[in-house]
């Protein structure tokens, strides 16, 4: 009998009319409307969302109706005291913050210029320190007012979002090393090179296979990361266990932790691995292309993950496919889990998808270019994400635009949210941006 994956591989994905019969609840969203003739491509409208009537129409917040009352959010998984302790917020990678983001367009409070594009998602420590990496090979720590506290130089590009432990910052680099830095002054506590690649830097598969990308810190302090395999390290940098995929491949996505401690990690051999105690493989799920998306784990243990095969997958804790949502581009963004289990994820087709727990698409929102960064969900259910049309967006839970802010480069970084509502996000303009709503004079006077 053919597996579900085999059936998918034998079927033209655009013609999956009987998909529900195969998958139970596979949903294919409607094709986006074509651009108006004479308008050119959507990416040409760098400061607009869509091309309308032969010109680029400015994005405007949805008018008239007040924002909908947010539905109650399910209980957040346990997390540290830091406002944004790691990429996707918690070991389950829900993307949810307990703080409120602005509901009207924020202004740039400050920006910090670096020497390279910023793909890294910032971490925010308990004292307000903002830590991030850049493609100038450096890790930066800034005070909440944007002043530099310290910087640390690695041997190659830093793509990863830092992860925080007690008084320590963990960050990876394309020089194949995982670094542990002191949070207060940036001094090196230790570094390890867990992989076995012959070349640590440069271009080509052998130079990239052992790159240390995203990092997850578990409740017991264990550090999980990828490279030429999947690694679990103790807080002192010593190896707890390693899982080696059967093929020589790179595992770039951050491992996610299930409620029972299972580790889920995707690799560029098209496979999602579920690992038990000691890194023993429990099961694997094979997609039809690379898995660079970081998995997100729902409260019931459902695993959500995107793939370069243009799908968002939902798997049960045993690895059985629950549904697959087809998009029109690779899904490299990581899913976020919002109110009542609704899933939000961006695609390279320029759409943000809202997917119900049964796999049906609730709505989509179109940007003017690809979406690589992952959504942040605030305490009210507001969805904040960036796109390669140089904009940071905020949407209400029903898909209406709350606001958008134009920056000076692609926004591939996932935003981080501070308790005072400040959003921190990096961009290809080589700057970290701090965005907040200015305090009105009357409010300021009342505060004093």
Foldseek 3Di string as FASTA:
>chain_A
DDDLQRVVVVDDVVPVPVVCVSQVFAAEDDDDDDADPQQDALLVLLQAFGHDPNYGDHDDFDDDDDFDFFDAAPDDDDADLWQAQFQLRALLSQLEGAADADLAFWDFLDKDFDDAFFLEAWTAGNQGWIWGFGQVQKIWTAHNNGHTQEMDHDDGGFNAYWGDDVQWIWGWHLLQKIFIAGNRRRHTLDIDRPDDQPASDDDDCSSRQRGWHGWHAHPVRWIWTWGQWIFTAHNSGHGQATDHPPDRWHFHAYWHAFPVGWTWTFTQVQKIFTADPRRHTQDMDGHDGGFLAHWHADPQGWIWGWAQVQWIWTAHNNGRTNYIYHDDGGFNEYWHAFHPRWIWGFGQVQKIFTAHPNNYTQDIRGGSGGFQYYWRQYSRRWTWGFAQSQKIFTARNNGTTSDIDHHDGGFNHYWGADNVNWIWGTGRSNMITTTDHDDDPVNVVVVD
